[in-house]
Amino acid sequence: MPLGERLRAERLKLGWIGYELADFLGVSGMTIYNWENEGKVYKLKHRSLVSYFLGM
């Protein structure tokens, strides 16, 4: 499963909207939108956050 789809699926499992995940990770809502739709996380610190959230 692509990263964006997996991120969205995990967020929805928790019943969160994008802004709740953004608040949890300390990023903007637009960042979450971009990650879920483009499937690309460019910054290393953000990759660590996403990995933590996904339990990788």
PDB file of N, CA and C in Angstrom:
ATOM      1  N   MET A   1       0.853  -1.171   0.000  1.00  0.00           N
ATOM      2  CA  MET A   1       0.000   0.000   0.000  1.00  0.00           C
ATOM      3  C   MET A   1       0.904   1.241   0.000  1.00  0.00           C
ATOM      4  N   PRO A   2       0.632   2.198  -0.887  1.00  0.00           N
ATOM      5  CA  PRO A   2       1.430   3.431  -0.913  1.00  0.00           C
ATOM      6  C   PRO A   2       1.352   4.186   0.423  1.00  0.00           C
ATOM      7  N   LEU A   3       2.388   4.959   0.697  1.00  0.00           N
ATOM      8  CA  LEU A   3       2.489   5.663   1.963  1.00  0.00           C
ATOM      9  C   LEU A   3       1.285   6.552   2.239  1.00  0.00           C
ATOM     10  N   GLY A   4       0.866   7.331   1.253  1.00  0.00           N
ATOM     11  CA  GLY A   4      -0.273   8.235   1.443  1.00  0.00           C
ATOM     12  C   GLY A   4      -1.535   7.492   1.821  1.00  0.00           C
ATOM     13  N   GLU A   5      -1.794   6.388   1.159  1.00  0.00           N
ATOM     14  CA  GLU A   5      -2.985   5.586   1.456  1.00  0.00           C
ATOM     15  C   GLU A   5      -2.892   4.975   2.845  1.00  0.00           C
ATOM     16  N   ARG A   6      -1.710   4.518   3.204  1.00  0.00           N
ATOM     17  CA  ARG A   6      -1.534   3.913   4.525  1.00  0.00           C
ATOM     18  C   ARG A   6      -1.715   4.950   5.637  1.00  0.00           C
ATOM     19  N   LEU A   7      -1.181   6.127   5.412  1.00  0.00           N
ATOM     20  CA  LEU A   7      -1.325   7.203   6.382  1.00  0.00           C
ATOM     21  C   LEU A   7      -2.796   7.564   6.574  1.00  0.00           C
ATOM     22  N   ARG A   8      -3.518   7.695   5.472  1.00  0.00           N
ATOM     23  CA  ARG A   8      -4.946   8.019   5.539  1.00  0.00           C
ATOM     24  C   ARG A   8      -5.730   6.901   6.237  1.00  0.00           C
ATOM     25  N   ALA A   9      -5.419   5.652   5.904  1.00  0.00           N
ATOM     26  CA  ALA A   9      -6.121   4.520   6.502  1.00  0.00           C
ATOM     27  C   ALA A   9      -5.913   4.476   8.020  1.00  0.00           C
ATOM     28  N   GLU A  10      -4.695   4.702   8.468  1.00  0.00           N
ATOM     29  CA  GLU A  10      -4.411   4.688   9.905  1.00  0.00           C
ATOM     30  C   GLU A  10      -5.106   5.849  10.607  1.00  0.00           C
ATOM     31  N   ARG A  11      -5.114   7.018   9.968  1.00  0.00           N
ATOM     32  CA  ARG A  11      -5.795   8.180  10.533  1.00  0.00           C
ATOM     33  C   ARG A  11      -7.289   7.917  10.677  1.00  0.00           C
ATOM     34  N   LEU A  12      -7.878   7.343   9.635  1.00  0.00           N
ATOM     35  CA  LEU A  12      -9.315   7.069   9.671  1.00  0.00           C
ATOM     36  C   LEU A  12      -9.671   5.986  10.679  1.00  0.00           C
ATOM     37  N   LYS A  13      -8.752   5.035  10.905  1.00  0.00           N
ATOM     38  CA  LYS A  13      -8.977   4.007  11.923  1.00  0.00           C
ATOM     39  C   LYS A  13      -9.166   4.627  13.290  1.00  0.00           C
ATOM     40  N   LEU A  14      -8.446   5.720  13.519  1.00  0.00           N
ATOM     41  CA  LEU A  14      -8.552   6.426  14.797  1.00  0.00           C
ATOM     42  C   LEU A  14      -9.739   7.378  14.838  1.00  0.00           C
ATOM     43  N   GLY A  15     -10.383   7.558  13.681  1.00  0.00           N
ATOM     44  CA  GLY A  15     -11.522   8.466  13.604  1.00  0.00           C
ATOM     45  C   GLY A  15     -11.101   9.929  13.610  1.00  0.00           C
ATOM     46  N   TRP A  16      -9.866  10.188  13.196  1.00  0.00           N
ATOM     47  CA  TRP A  16      -9.328  11.540  13.189  1.00  0.00           C
ATOM     48  C   TRP A  16      -9.548  12.212  11.844  1.00  0.00           C
ATOM     49  N   ILE A  17      -9.721  13.529  11.883  1.00  0.00           N
ATOM     50  CA  ILE A  17      -9.669  14.314  10.649  1.00  0.00           C
ATOM     51  C   ILE A  17      -8.215  14.719  10.452  1.00  0.00           C
ATOM     52  N   GLY A  18      -7.903  15.238   9.292  1.00  0.00           N
ATOM     53  CA  GLY A  18      -6.525  15.579   8.974  1.00  0.00           C
ATOM     54  C   GLY A  18      -5.881  16.533   9.971  1.00  0.00           C
ATOM     55  N   TYR A  19      -6.660  17.499  10.454  1.00  0.00           N
ATOM     56  CA  TYR A  19      -6.104  18.479  11.381  1.00  0.00           C
ATOM     57  C   TYR A  19      -5.782  17.870  12.743  1.00  0.00           C
ATOM     58  N   GLU A  20      -6.479  16.822  13.127  1.00  0.00           N
ATOM     59  CA  GLU A  20      -6.141  16.151  14.392  1.00  0.00           C
ATOM     60  C   GLU A  20      -4.809  15.424  14.273  1.00  0.00           C
ATOM     61  N   LEU A  21      -4.586  14.775  13.145  1.00  0.00           N
ATOM     62  CA  LEU A  21      -3.294  14.130  12.919  1.00  0.00           C
ATOM     63  C   LEU A  21      -2.195  15.179  12.817  1.00  0.00           C
ATOM     64  N   ALA A  22      -2.490  16.283  12.151  1.00  0.00           N
ATOM     65  CA  ALA A  22      -1.512  17.361  12.032  1.00  0.00           C
ATOM     66  C   ALA A  22      -1.111  17.880  13.412  1.00  0.00           C
ATOM     67  N   ASP A  23      -2.085  18.065  14.280  1.00  0.00           N
ATOM     68  CA  ASP A  23      -1.805  18.536  15.633  1.00  0.00           C
ATOM     69  C   ASP A  23      -0.969  17.514  16.394  1.00  0.00           C
ATOM     70  N   PHE A  24      -1.301  16.250  16.248  1.00  0.00           N
ATOM     71  CA  PHE A  24      -0.570  15.170  16.920  1.00  0.00           C
ATOM     72  C   PHE A  24       0.894  15.143  16.473  1.00  0.00           C
ATOM     73  N   LEU A  25       1.139  15.356  15.174  1.00  0.00           N
ATOM     74  CA  LEU A  25       2.490  15.284  14.636  1.00  0.00           C
ATOM     75  C   LEU A  25       3.221  16.628  14.654  1.00  0.00           C
ATOM     76  N   GLY A  26       2.490  17.701  14.942  1.00  0.00           N
ATOM     77  CA  GLY A  26       3.122  19.016  14.986  1.00  0.00           C
ATOM     78  C   GLY A  26       3.413  19.616  13.629  1.00  0.00           C
ATOM     79  N   VAL A  27       2.548  19.316  12.669  1.00  0.00           N
ATOM     80  CA  VAL A  27       2.686  19.875  11.324  1.00  0.00           C
ATOM     81  C   VAL A  27       1.369  20.543  10.948  1.00  0.00           C
ATOM     82  N   SER A  28       1.315  21.156   9.778  1.00  0.00           N
ATOM     83  CA  SER A  28       0.084  21.812   9.339  1.00  0.00           C
ATOM     84  C   SER A  28      -0.889  20.810   8.711  1.00  0.00           C
ATOM     85  N   GLY A  29      -2.134  21.201   8.663  1.00  0.00           N
ATOM     86  CA  GLY A  29      -3.141  20.380   8.013  1.00  0.00           C
ATOM     87  C   GLY A  29      -2.852  20.192   6.533  1.00  0.00           C
ATOM     88  N   MET A  30      -2.288  21.228   5.899  1.00  0.00           N
ATOM     89  CA  MET A  30      -1.947  21.142   4.487  1.00  0.00           C
ATOM     90  C   MET A  30      -0.832  20.121   4.268  1.00  0.00           C
ATOM     91  N   THR A  31       0.064  20.006   5.227  1.00  0.00           N
ATOM     92  CA  THR A  31       1.136  19.010   5.126  1.00  0.00           C
ATOM     93  C   THR A  31       0.550  17.609   5.113  1.00  0.00           C
ATOM     94  N   ILE A  32      -0.392  17.349   6.001  1.00  0.00           N
ATOM     95  CA  ILE A  32      -1.051  16.033   6.037  1.00  0.00           C
ATOM     96  C   ILE A  32      -1.748  15.773   4.709  1.00  0.00           C
ATOM     97  N   TYR A  33      -2.455  16.772   4.209  1.00  0.00           N
ATOM     98  CA  TYR A  33      -3.140  16.643   2.921  1.00  0.00           C
ATOM     99  C   TYR A  33      -2.151  16.260   1.817  1.00  0.00           C
ATOM    100  N   ASN A  34      -1.028  16.958   1.774  1.00  0.00           N
ATOM    101  CA  ASN A  34      -0.020  16.675   0.747  1.00  0.00           C
ATOM    102  C   ASN A  34       0.558  15.273   0.903  1.00  0.00           C
ATOM    103  N   TRP A  35       0.858  14.880   2.128  1.00  0.00           N
ATOM    104  CA  TRP A  35       1.401  13.542   2.350  1.00  0.00           C
ATOM    105  C   TRP A  35       0.421  12.478   1.884  1.00  0.00           C
ATOM    106  N   GLU A  36      -0.846  12.664   2.217  1.00  0.00           N
ATOM    107  CA  GLU A  36      -1.841  11.649   1.856  1.00  0.00           C
ATOM    108  C   GLU A  36      -2.112  11.610   0.355  1.00  0.00           C
ATOM    109  N   ASN A  37      -2.033  12.730  -0.309  1.00  0.00           N
ATOM    110  CA  ASN A  37      -2.367  12.772  -1.728  1.00  0.00           C
ATOM    111  C   ASN A  37      -1.170  12.601  -2.651  1.00  0.00           C
ATOM    112  N   GLU A  38      -0.013  13.098  -2.236  1.00  0.00           N
ATOM    113  CA  GLU A  38       1.188  12.946  -3.057  1.00  0.00           C
ATOM    114  C   GLU A  38       1.986  11.718  -2.643  1.00  0.00           C
ATOM    115  N   GLY A  39       1.832  11.316  -1.377  1.00  0.00           N
ATOM    116  CA  GLY A  39       2.536  10.142  -0.886  1.00  0.00           C
ATOM    117  C   GLY A  39       4.021  10.339  -0.681  1.00  0.00           C
ATOM    118  N   LYS A  40       4.452  11.596  -0.575  1.00  0.00           N
ATOM    119  CA  LYS A  40       5.880  11.875  -0.420  1.00  0.00           C
ATOM    120  C   LYS A  40       6.111  12.701   0.833  1.00  0.00           C
ATOM    121  N   VAL A  41       7.047  12.229   1.641  1.00  0.00           N
ATOM    122  CA  VAL A  41       7.461  12.957   2.839  1.00  0.00           C
ATOM    123  C   VAL A  41       8.934  13.276   2.634  1.00  0.00           C
ATOM    124  N   TYR A  42       9.245  14.550   2.460  1.00  0.00           N
ATOM    125  CA  TYR A  42      10.590  14.934   2.053  1.00  0.00           C
ATOM    126  C   TYR A  42      11.572  15.102   3.211  1.00  0.00           C
ATOM    127  N   LYS A  43      11.154  15.726   4.294  1.00  0.00           N
ATOM    128  CA  LYS A  43      12.085  16.021   5.381  1.00  0.00           C
ATOM    129  C   LYS A  43      12.294  14.799   6.268  1.00  0.00           C
ATOM    130  N   LEU A  44      13.543  14.604   6.668  1.00  0.00           N
ATOM    131  CA  LEU A  44      13.895  13.457   7.501  1.00  0.00           C
ATOM    132  C   LEU A  44      13.142  13.467   8.826  1.00  0.00           C
ATOM    133  N   LYS A  45      13.020  14.640   9.458  1.00  0.00           N
ATOM    134  CA  LYS A  45      12.311  14.689  10.740  1.00  0.00           C
ATOM    135  C   LYS A  45      10.837  14.311  10.566  1.00  0.00           C
ATOM    136  N   HIS A  46      10.254  14.654   9.427  1.00  0.00           N
ATOM    137  CA  HIS A  46       8.866  14.284   9.164  1.00  0.00           C
ATOM    138  C   HIS A  46       8.740  12.789   8.889  1.00  0.00           C
ATOM    139  N   ARG A  47       9.734  12.225   8.229  1.00  0.00           N
ATOM    140  CA  ARG A  47       9.716  10.778   7.981  1.00  0.00           C
ATOM    141  C   ARG A  47       9.710  10.021   9.299  1.00  0.00           C
ATOM    142  N   SER A  48      10.467  10.518  10.260  1.00  0.00           N
ATOM    143  CA  SER A  48      10.502   9.887  11.578  1.00  0.00           C
ATOM    144  C   SER A  48       9.139   9.962  12.257  1.00  0.00           C
ATOM    145  N   LEU A  49       8.469  11.111  12.146  1.00  0.00           N
ATOM    146  CA  LEU A  49       7.140  11.280  12.732  1.00  0.00           C
ATOM    147  C   LEU A  49       6.129  10.322  12.098  1.00  0.00           C
ATOM    148  N   VAL A  50       6.160  10.242  10.775  1.00  0.00           N
ATOM    149  CA  VAL A  50       5.231   9.364  10.060  1.00  0.00           C
ATOM    150  C   VAL A  50       5.516   7.909  10.423  1.00  0.00           C
ATOM    151  N   SER A  51       6.771   7.542  10.488  1.00  0.00           N
ATOM    152  CA  SER A  51       7.131   6.168  10.868  1.00  0.00           C
ATOM    153  C   SER A  51       6.624   5.846  12.275  1.00  0.00           C
ATOM    154  N   TYR A  52       6.783   6.796  13.182  1.00  0.00           N
ATOM    155  CA  TYR A  52       6.297   6.620  14.554  1.00  0.00           C
ATOM    156  C   TYR A  52       4.779   6.417  14.545  1.00  0.00           C
ATOM    157  N   PHE A  53       4.074   7.256  13.821  1.00  0.00           N
ATOM    158  CA  PHE A  53       2.612   7.160  13.766  1.00  0.00           C
ATOM    159  C   PHE A  53       2.157   5.825  13.173  1.00  0.00           C
ATOM    160  N   LEU A  54       2.855   5.376  12.145  1.00  0.00           N
ATOM    161  CA  LEU A  54       2.467   4.131  11.482  1.00  0.00           C
ATOM    162  C   LEU A  54       3.003   2.892  12.202  1.00  0.00           C
ATOM    163  N   GLY A  55       3.827   3.106  13.221  1.00  0.00           N
ATOM    164  CA  GLY A  55       4.361   1.974  13.985  1.00  0.00           C
ATOM    165  C   GLY A  55       5.426   1.197  13.236  1.00  0.00           C
ATOM    166  N   MET A  56       6.174   1.893  12.413  1.00  0.00           N
ATOM    167  CA  MET A  56       7.220   1.243  11.614  1.00  0.00           C
ATOM    168  C   MET A  56       8.527   1.225  12.362  1.00  0.00           C
TER     169      MET A  56
END
